N, C-alpha and C. Protein backbone atom coordinates (compact mmCIF):
# COMPACT_ATOMS: atom_id res chain seq x y z
N MET A 1 124.74 42.93 -74.85
CA MET A 1 125.49 44.26 -74.18
C MET A 1 124.70 44.29 -72.95
N LYS A 2 125.80 44.70 -71.84
CA LYS A 2 124.71 44.77 -70.23
C LYS A 2 124.96 46.32 -70.13
N ALA A 3 124.12 46.59 -69.11
CA ALA A 3 123.57 47.86 -68.66
C ALA A 3 123.41 48.10 -67.31
N LEU A 4 123.95 49.48 -66.99
CA LEU A 4 123.62 49.21 -65.26
C LEU A 4 123.15 50.88 -65.21
N SER A 5 121.88 51.11 -64.97
CA SER A 5 121.54 52.60 -64.34
C SER A 5 121.62 53.05 -63.03
N VAL A 6 122.52 54.14 -63.41
CA VAL A 6 123.01 55.00 -62.32
C VAL A 6 122.64 56.89 -61.96
N GLN A 7 122.27 56.76 -60.59
CA GLN A 7 122.02 57.93 -60.18
C GLN A 7 122.73 59.11 -60.99
N GLN A 8 122.27 60.37 -61.19
CA GLN A 8 123.15 61.57 -61.53
C GLN A 8 123.16 62.25 -60.08
N PRO A 9 124.64 62.41 -59.92
CA PRO A 9 125.30 62.64 -60.62
C PRO A 9 126.35 61.70 -60.91
N TRP A 10 126.39 60.61 -60.31
CA TRP A 10 126.82 59.41 -60.45
C TRP A 10 127.41 58.77 -61.61
N ALA A 11 126.62 59.11 -62.76
CA ALA A 11 126.80 58.53 -64.09
C ALA A 11 127.71 59.70 -64.57
N TRP A 12 127.85 60.55 -64.39
CA TRP A 12 128.54 61.54 -65.11
C TRP A 12 129.83 61.26 -64.27
N ALA A 13 129.79 61.09 -62.86
CA ALA A 13 131.21 61.01 -62.21
C ALA A 13 132.38 60.06 -62.75
N ILE A 14 131.65 58.73 -63.42
CA ILE A 14 131.76 57.41 -64.14
C ILE A 14 132.53 57.42 -65.46
N ILE A 15 131.47 58.79 -66.48
CA ILE A 15 131.67 58.87 -67.32
C ILE A 15 133.20 60.03 -67.54
N GLN A 16 133.15 60.81 -66.60
CA GLN A 16 133.66 62.23 -66.56
C GLN A 16 134.52 62.76 -65.71
N ALA A 17 134.61 62.09 -64.72
CA ALA A 17 135.37 62.59 -63.40
C ALA A 17 135.91 61.58 -62.66
N GLY A 18 136.52 60.68 -63.58
CA GLY A 18 137.30 59.44 -63.18
C GLY A 18 136.73 58.51 -61.55
N LYS A 19 135.27 58.21 -61.84
CA LYS A 19 135.06 57.68 -60.54
C LYS A 19 135.03 56.12 -61.04
N ASP A 20 135.85 55.70 -60.06
CA ASP A 20 136.30 54.18 -60.42
C ASP A 20 136.04 53.18 -59.67
N ILE A 21 134.68 53.29 -59.06
CA ILE A 21 134.31 52.57 -58.29
C ILE A 21 132.70 53.06 -58.21
N GLU A 22 132.04 52.19 -58.36
CA GLU A 22 130.45 52.30 -58.33
C GLU A 22 129.85 51.25 -56.98
N ASN A 23 129.33 52.35 -56.04
CA ASN A 23 128.96 51.29 -54.71
C ASN A 23 127.65 50.84 -54.89
N ARG A 24 127.59 49.63 -55.07
CA ARG A 24 126.25 48.71 -55.14
C ARG A 24 125.96 48.13 -53.32
N THR A 25 124.92 47.62 -53.37
CA THR A 25 124.30 46.56 -51.95
C THR A 25 124.65 45.28 -52.69
N TRP A 26 125.09 45.07 -53.70
CA TRP A 26 125.12 43.21 -54.39
C TRP A 26 126.00 43.40 -55.32
N ARG A 27 126.41 42.24 -55.49
CA ARG A 27 127.12 41.68 -56.31
C ARG A 27 126.88 41.18 -57.63
N THR A 28 128.14 41.05 -57.96
CA THR A 28 127.94 40.38 -59.79
C THR A 28 129.27 39.68 -59.84
N HIS A 29 128.92 38.84 -60.81
CA HIS A 29 129.84 37.62 -61.21
C HIS A 29 130.20 38.22 -62.71
N TYR A 30 129.44 39.13 -63.26
CA TYR A 30 129.86 39.42 -64.31
C TYR A 30 130.75 40.21 -64.44
N ARG A 31 131.89 40.21 -65.77
CA ARG A 31 132.93 40.93 -65.87
C ARG A 31 132.87 41.60 -67.34
N GLY A 32 132.99 42.40 -67.91
CA GLY A 32 133.61 42.89 -69.24
C GLY A 32 132.39 44.34 -69.24
N TRP A 33 132.79 44.63 -70.79
CA TRP A 33 131.69 46.10 -70.57
C TRP A 33 130.48 46.34 -69.99
N ILE A 34 130.26 47.57 -69.54
CA ILE A 34 129.09 47.91 -69.37
C ILE A 34 128.27 49.46 -69.60
N VAL A 35 127.35 49.36 -69.85
CA VAL A 35 126.64 50.54 -70.73
C VAL A 35 126.17 51.07 -69.96
N ILE A 36 126.71 52.79 -69.15
CA ILE A 36 126.14 53.53 -68.25
C ILE A 36 125.20 54.29 -68.68
N HIS A 37 123.83 53.92 -67.90
CA HIS A 37 122.47 54.82 -68.17
C HIS A 37 122.53 55.45 -66.82
N ALA A 38 122.43 57.03 -67.40
CA ALA A 38 121.96 57.94 -66.49
C ALA A 38 120.60 58.00 -66.00
N SER A 39 119.83 57.25 -64.91
CA SER A 39 118.49 57.06 -64.60
C SER A 39 117.67 58.54 -64.64
N ALA A 40 116.60 58.50 -64.95
CA ALA A 40 115.91 59.36 -64.99
C ALA A 40 115.67 60.42 -63.68
N LYS A 41 115.75 59.59 -62.48
CA LYS A 41 115.77 60.10 -60.94
C LYS A 41 116.97 60.13 -61.09
N PRO A 42 117.27 61.80 -60.30
CA PRO A 42 118.67 62.19 -59.80
C PRO A 42 119.05 61.42 -58.31
N GLN A 43 119.80 61.31 -57.43
CA GLN A 43 119.94 61.81 -56.13
C GLN A 43 119.93 62.84 -55.73
N SER A 44 119.20 62.92 -54.48
CA SER A 44 118.79 64.39 -54.13
C SER A 44 119.62 64.53 -53.11
N ASP A 45 120.67 63.83 -52.53
CA ASP A 45 121.49 64.49 -51.82
C ASP A 45 122.94 63.81 -52.20
N TRP A 46 123.59 64.53 -52.26
CA TRP A 46 125.01 64.34 -52.96
C TRP A 46 126.22 65.48 -52.95
N SER A 47 127.28 65.20 -52.88
CA SER A 47 128.37 65.90 -52.84
C SER A 47 129.57 65.16 -53.36
N MET A 48 130.55 65.82 -53.77
CA MET A 48 131.93 65.03 -54.49
C MET A 48 132.53 64.64 -53.25
N PRO A 49 133.72 63.99 -53.55
CA PRO A 49 134.82 63.68 -53.09
C PRO A 49 135.71 65.20 -53.17
N ARG A 50 136.43 65.18 -52.20
CA ARG A 50 137.76 66.39 -52.22
C ARG A 50 137.96 66.38 -53.22
N GLY A 51 138.57 67.43 -54.11
CA GLY A 51 139.23 67.41 -55.29
C GLY A 51 138.49 67.00 -56.72
N VAL A 52 137.00 67.05 -56.23
CA VAL A 52 136.62 66.99 -57.66
C VAL A 52 135.54 67.59 -58.18
N ARG A 53 135.65 68.43 -59.14
CA ARG A 53 134.53 69.79 -59.35
C ARG A 53 133.27 69.07 -59.46
N LYS A 54 131.93 69.73 -59.08
CA LYS A 54 131.11 69.57 -59.12
C LYS A 54 130.20 69.72 -60.34
N PRO A 55 129.80 68.83 -61.06
CA PRO A 55 129.16 69.15 -62.57
C PRO A 55 127.98 70.49 -62.69
N ARG A 56 128.38 70.50 -63.94
CA ARG A 56 127.30 71.40 -64.00
C ARG A 56 126.02 71.31 -63.96
N PRO A 57 124.90 71.86 -64.04
CA PRO A 57 123.79 71.21 -64.40
C PRO A 57 123.34 70.22 -65.45
N SER A 58 123.72 71.36 -66.42
CA SER A 58 123.79 71.04 -67.83
C SER A 58 124.44 69.25 -68.34
N ASP A 59 125.65 69.26 -67.31
CA ASP A 59 126.39 67.78 -67.11
C ASP A 59 125.33 66.13 -66.77
N LEU A 60 124.17 66.93 -65.89
CA LEU A 60 123.37 65.74 -65.55
C LEU A 60 122.32 65.64 -66.23
N VAL A 61 122.33 64.89 -67.72
CA VAL A 61 121.47 64.58 -68.35
C VAL A 61 121.04 63.46 -67.48
N ARG A 62 119.53 62.84 -68.27
CA ARG A 62 118.93 61.77 -67.18
C ARG A 62 117.91 61.16 -68.54
N GLY A 63 117.67 59.93 -68.02
CA GLY A 63 117.03 58.82 -69.18
C GLY A 63 117.77 58.57 -70.50
N VAL A 64 119.10 58.53 -70.46
CA VAL A 64 120.09 58.16 -71.22
C VAL A 64 121.09 57.77 -71.07
N ILE A 65 121.16 56.92 -72.01
CA ILE A 65 123.12 56.21 -71.96
C ILE A 65 124.06 57.27 -72.04
N VAL A 66 125.25 57.33 -71.46
CA VAL A 66 125.78 58.20 -71.87
C VAL A 66 127.08 57.69 -71.90
N GLY A 67 127.92 56.13 -71.76
CA GLY A 67 129.00 56.01 -71.77
C GLY A 67 128.82 54.79 -71.37
N VAL A 68 130.07 54.06 -71.82
CA VAL A 68 130.41 52.61 -71.21
C VAL A 68 131.27 52.91 -70.41
N ALA A 69 132.02 52.07 -69.86
CA ALA A 69 132.98 51.23 -68.86
C ALA A 69 133.20 49.73 -68.85
N ARG A 70 134.51 49.32 -68.11
CA ARG A 70 134.71 47.89 -68.24
C ARG A 70 134.70 47.38 -66.39
N LEU A 71 133.66 46.82 -66.36
CA LEU A 71 133.55 46.07 -65.12
C LEU A 71 134.45 45.24 -64.82
N THR A 72 136.03 45.57 -63.93
CA THR A 72 136.66 44.55 -63.94
C THR A 72 137.19 43.32 -62.51
N ASP A 73 136.01 44.39 -61.56
CA ASP A 73 135.75 43.30 -60.43
C ASP A 73 134.78 43.92 -59.65
N VAL A 74 134.53 43.28 -58.49
CA VAL A 74 133.37 43.56 -57.29
C VAL A 74 134.24 43.18 -56.01
N VAL A 75 134.46 44.92 -55.31
CA VAL A 75 135.08 44.32 -53.98
C VAL A 75 134.52 44.54 -52.92
N ASP A 76 135.15 44.38 -51.29
CA ASP A 76 134.20 44.63 -50.33
C ASP A 76 135.22 45.72 -49.70
N THR A 77 136.18 46.23 -50.06
CA THR A 77 137.51 47.53 -49.41
C THR A 77 137.94 48.33 -50.69
N SER A 78 137.50 48.97 -50.55
CA SER A 78 138.97 49.74 -51.37
C SER A 78 139.40 51.13 -50.86
N ARG A 79 140.49 51.56 -51.11
CA ARG A 79 141.20 52.78 -50.99
C ARG A 79 141.17 53.95 -52.25
N SER A 80 139.96 53.75 -52.88
CA SER A 80 139.52 54.58 -53.75
C SER A 80 138.48 55.51 -52.92
N LYS A 81 138.68 57.01 -53.03
CA LYS A 81 137.88 58.09 -52.89
C LYS A 81 136.36 57.75 -53.06
N TRP A 82 136.15 57.24 -54.01
CA TRP A 82 134.65 57.37 -54.19
C TRP A 82 134.06 55.88 -53.80
N PHE A 83 134.64 54.90 -52.86
CA PHE A 83 134.49 53.77 -52.77
C PHE A 83 133.71 53.99 -50.67
N ASP A 84 131.89 54.10 -50.85
CA ASP A 84 131.24 53.98 -49.74
C ASP A 84 130.78 52.34 -49.44
N GLY A 85 130.77 51.61 -50.41
CA GLY A 85 130.15 50.41 -49.99
C GLY A 85 128.85 49.93 -49.76
N PRO A 86 128.40 48.79 -49.62
CA PRO A 86 129.15 47.56 -48.93
C PRO A 86 129.68 47.23 -50.05
N TYR A 87 129.13 46.93 -51.55
CA TYR A 87 129.92 46.50 -52.61
C TYR A 87 130.53 47.73 -53.76
N GLY A 88 131.82 47.06 -54.03
CA GLY A 88 132.34 48.11 -54.98
C GLY A 88 132.72 47.98 -56.42
N TRP A 89 132.01 48.15 -57.47
CA TRP A 89 132.07 47.53 -58.55
C TRP A 89 133.40 48.66 -59.07
N VAL A 90 134.85 47.47 -59.80
CA VAL A 90 135.70 48.27 -60.13
C VAL A 90 135.53 48.68 -61.28
N LEU A 91 135.87 50.28 -61.94
CA LEU A 91 135.03 50.40 -63.25
C LEU A 91 136.53 51.18 -63.83
N GLU A 92 136.61 50.60 -65.14
CA GLU A 92 137.95 51.15 -65.92
C GLU A 92 137.48 51.53 -67.30
N ARG A 93 138.64 52.29 -68.05
CA ARG A 93 138.30 52.78 -69.07
C ARG A 93 137.42 53.53 -69.95
N PRO A 94 136.55 54.33 -69.03
CA PRO A 94 135.47 54.80 -69.16
C PRO A 94 135.80 55.79 -70.53
N ARG A 95 134.43 55.71 -71.38
CA ARG A 95 134.02 56.22 -73.16
C ARG A 95 133.17 56.89 -72.65
N LYS A 96 132.80 58.37 -73.12
CA LYS A 96 131.30 58.90 -73.33
C LYS A 96 131.30 58.47 -74.69
N LEU A 97 129.67 58.62 -74.65
CA LEU A 97 129.39 58.86 -76.06
C LEU A 97 129.12 60.32 -76.63
N ARG A 98 129.37 60.02 -77.61
CA ARG A 98 129.07 62.01 -78.47
C ARG A 98 128.02 62.25 -78.19
N ARG A 99 126.81 61.32 -78.50
CA ARG A 99 125.38 62.00 -78.12
C ARG A 99 124.73 60.96 -77.39
N PRO A 100 124.17 61.42 -76.41
CA PRO A 100 123.23 60.70 -75.39
C PRO A 100 122.31 59.89 -76.18
N VAL A 101 122.20 58.42 -75.97
CA VAL A 101 120.71 57.61 -76.70
C VAL A 101 119.84 57.57 -75.18
N LEU A 102 118.83 58.18 -75.84
CA LEU A 102 117.61 58.28 -74.87
C LEU A 102 117.06 56.83 -74.75
N CYS A 103 116.93 56.25 -73.45
CA CYS A 103 116.45 54.97 -73.05
C CYS A 103 115.75 54.83 -71.78
N LYS A 104 115.10 53.86 -71.48
CA LYS A 104 114.27 53.86 -70.30
C LYS A 104 115.43 52.95 -69.56
N GLY A 105 115.57 52.96 -68.38
CA GLY A 105 116.73 52.24 -67.52
C GLY A 105 115.89 51.05 -66.86
N ARG A 106 116.31 50.65 -65.90
CA ARG A 106 115.91 49.24 -65.45
C ARG A 106 116.45 49.01 -64.22
N LEU A 107 116.20 48.39 -62.94
CA LEU A 107 117.22 47.87 -62.01
C LEU A 107 117.77 46.64 -62.08
N GLY A 108 118.52 46.52 -61.51
CA GLY A 108 119.92 45.49 -61.65
C GLY A 108 120.73 45.55 -62.94
N LEU A 109 121.23 44.83 -63.39
CA LEU A 109 122.44 44.55 -64.76
C LEU A 109 120.92 43.85 -65.62
N TRP A 110 121.05 44.95 -66.60
CA TRP A 110 120.37 44.31 -67.75
C TRP A 110 120.72 44.25 -69.32
N THR A 111 120.17 44.40 -70.06
CA THR A 111 120.27 43.69 -71.70
C THR A 111 120.12 44.91 -72.06
N VAL A 112 120.70 45.70 -73.14
CA VAL A 112 120.40 46.78 -74.01
C VAL A 112 119.87 46.34 -74.99
N PRO A 113 118.69 46.79 -75.62
CA PRO A 113 118.12 46.68 -76.86
C PRO A 113 118.58 46.01 -77.72
N PRO A 114 118.68 45.38 -78.88
CA PRO A 114 119.93 45.40 -80.01
C PRO A 114 119.43 46.48 -80.70
N ALA A 115 118.81 47.53 -81.29
CA ALA A 115 118.87 48.82 -81.62
C ALA A 115 119.67 49.65 -80.96
N LEU A 116 119.62 49.94 -80.11
CA LEU A 116 120.23 50.87 -79.29
C LEU A 116 121.58 50.31 -78.93
N ALA A 117 121.84 48.93 -78.60
CA ALA A 117 123.32 48.46 -78.63
C ALA A 117 124.25 48.82 -80.08
N ALA A 118 123.15 48.69 -80.92
CA ALA A 118 123.87 49.21 -82.14
C ALA A 118 124.33 50.49 -82.29
N GLN A 119 123.15 51.65 -82.09
CA GLN A 119 123.47 52.83 -81.95
C GLN A 119 124.98 53.23 -81.27
N ILE A 120 124.99 52.75 -80.21
CA ILE A 120 126.22 52.80 -79.09
C ILE A 120 127.26 51.93 -79.73
N THR A 121 126.98 50.90 -80.51
CA THR A 121 129.02 50.50 -81.15
C THR A 121 129.31 51.37 -81.79
N ARG A 122 128.14 52.07 -82.80
CA ARG A 122 128.63 53.05 -84.20
C ARG A 122 129.11 54.31 -83.40
N GLN A 123 128.62 54.56 -82.18
CA GLN A 123 129.47 55.89 -81.94
C GLN A 123 131.27 55.57 -81.11
N LEU A 124 131.08 54.17 -80.58
CA LEU A 124 132.35 54.08 -80.30
C LEU A 124 133.50 53.64 -80.76
N GLY A 125 133.11 53.02 -82.27
CA GLY A 125 133.84 53.37 -83.20
C GLY A 125 134.61 51.25 -83.01
N ARG A 126 135.99 51.52 -82.57
CA ARG A 126 136.68 50.54 -82.60
C ARG A 126 137.11 49.78 -81.47
N LEU A 127 136.24 50.39 -80.18
CA LEU A 127 135.58 49.66 -79.08
C LEU A 127 135.43 48.36 -79.44
N THR A 128 135.54 47.07 -78.55
CA THR A 128 135.44 45.96 -78.81
C THR A 128 134.15 45.56 -77.45
N ILE A 129 133.02 45.84 -77.68
CA ILE A 129 132.03 44.91 -76.62
C ILE A 129 131.79 44.16 -76.51
């Protein structure tokens, strides 16, 4: 099970606000389900695109796995209001965990330890990862 650490508020936006693009400076050939980890360090200066409500402070949990999304493509242009480049990881079908799972994040695309993967799978039920 692959994971991506994302600073808040962007992890929240992927899972709960329709953020369909995660901006990165690098590409990946991986396609499939990825675990969204809210990193311990939040982004300091941010604003939501027009029409997207700001999250409440209590929404911005950190140092936990908050959900999953399906990575379907990596693009260098997009009409999405979330695209800022240089590369956009196209995300679909976000699913929020009922209970965030405490986990230390990592840089890059990383593998979730088996015990945590089992906790995530139990929460998601029939979703195949």
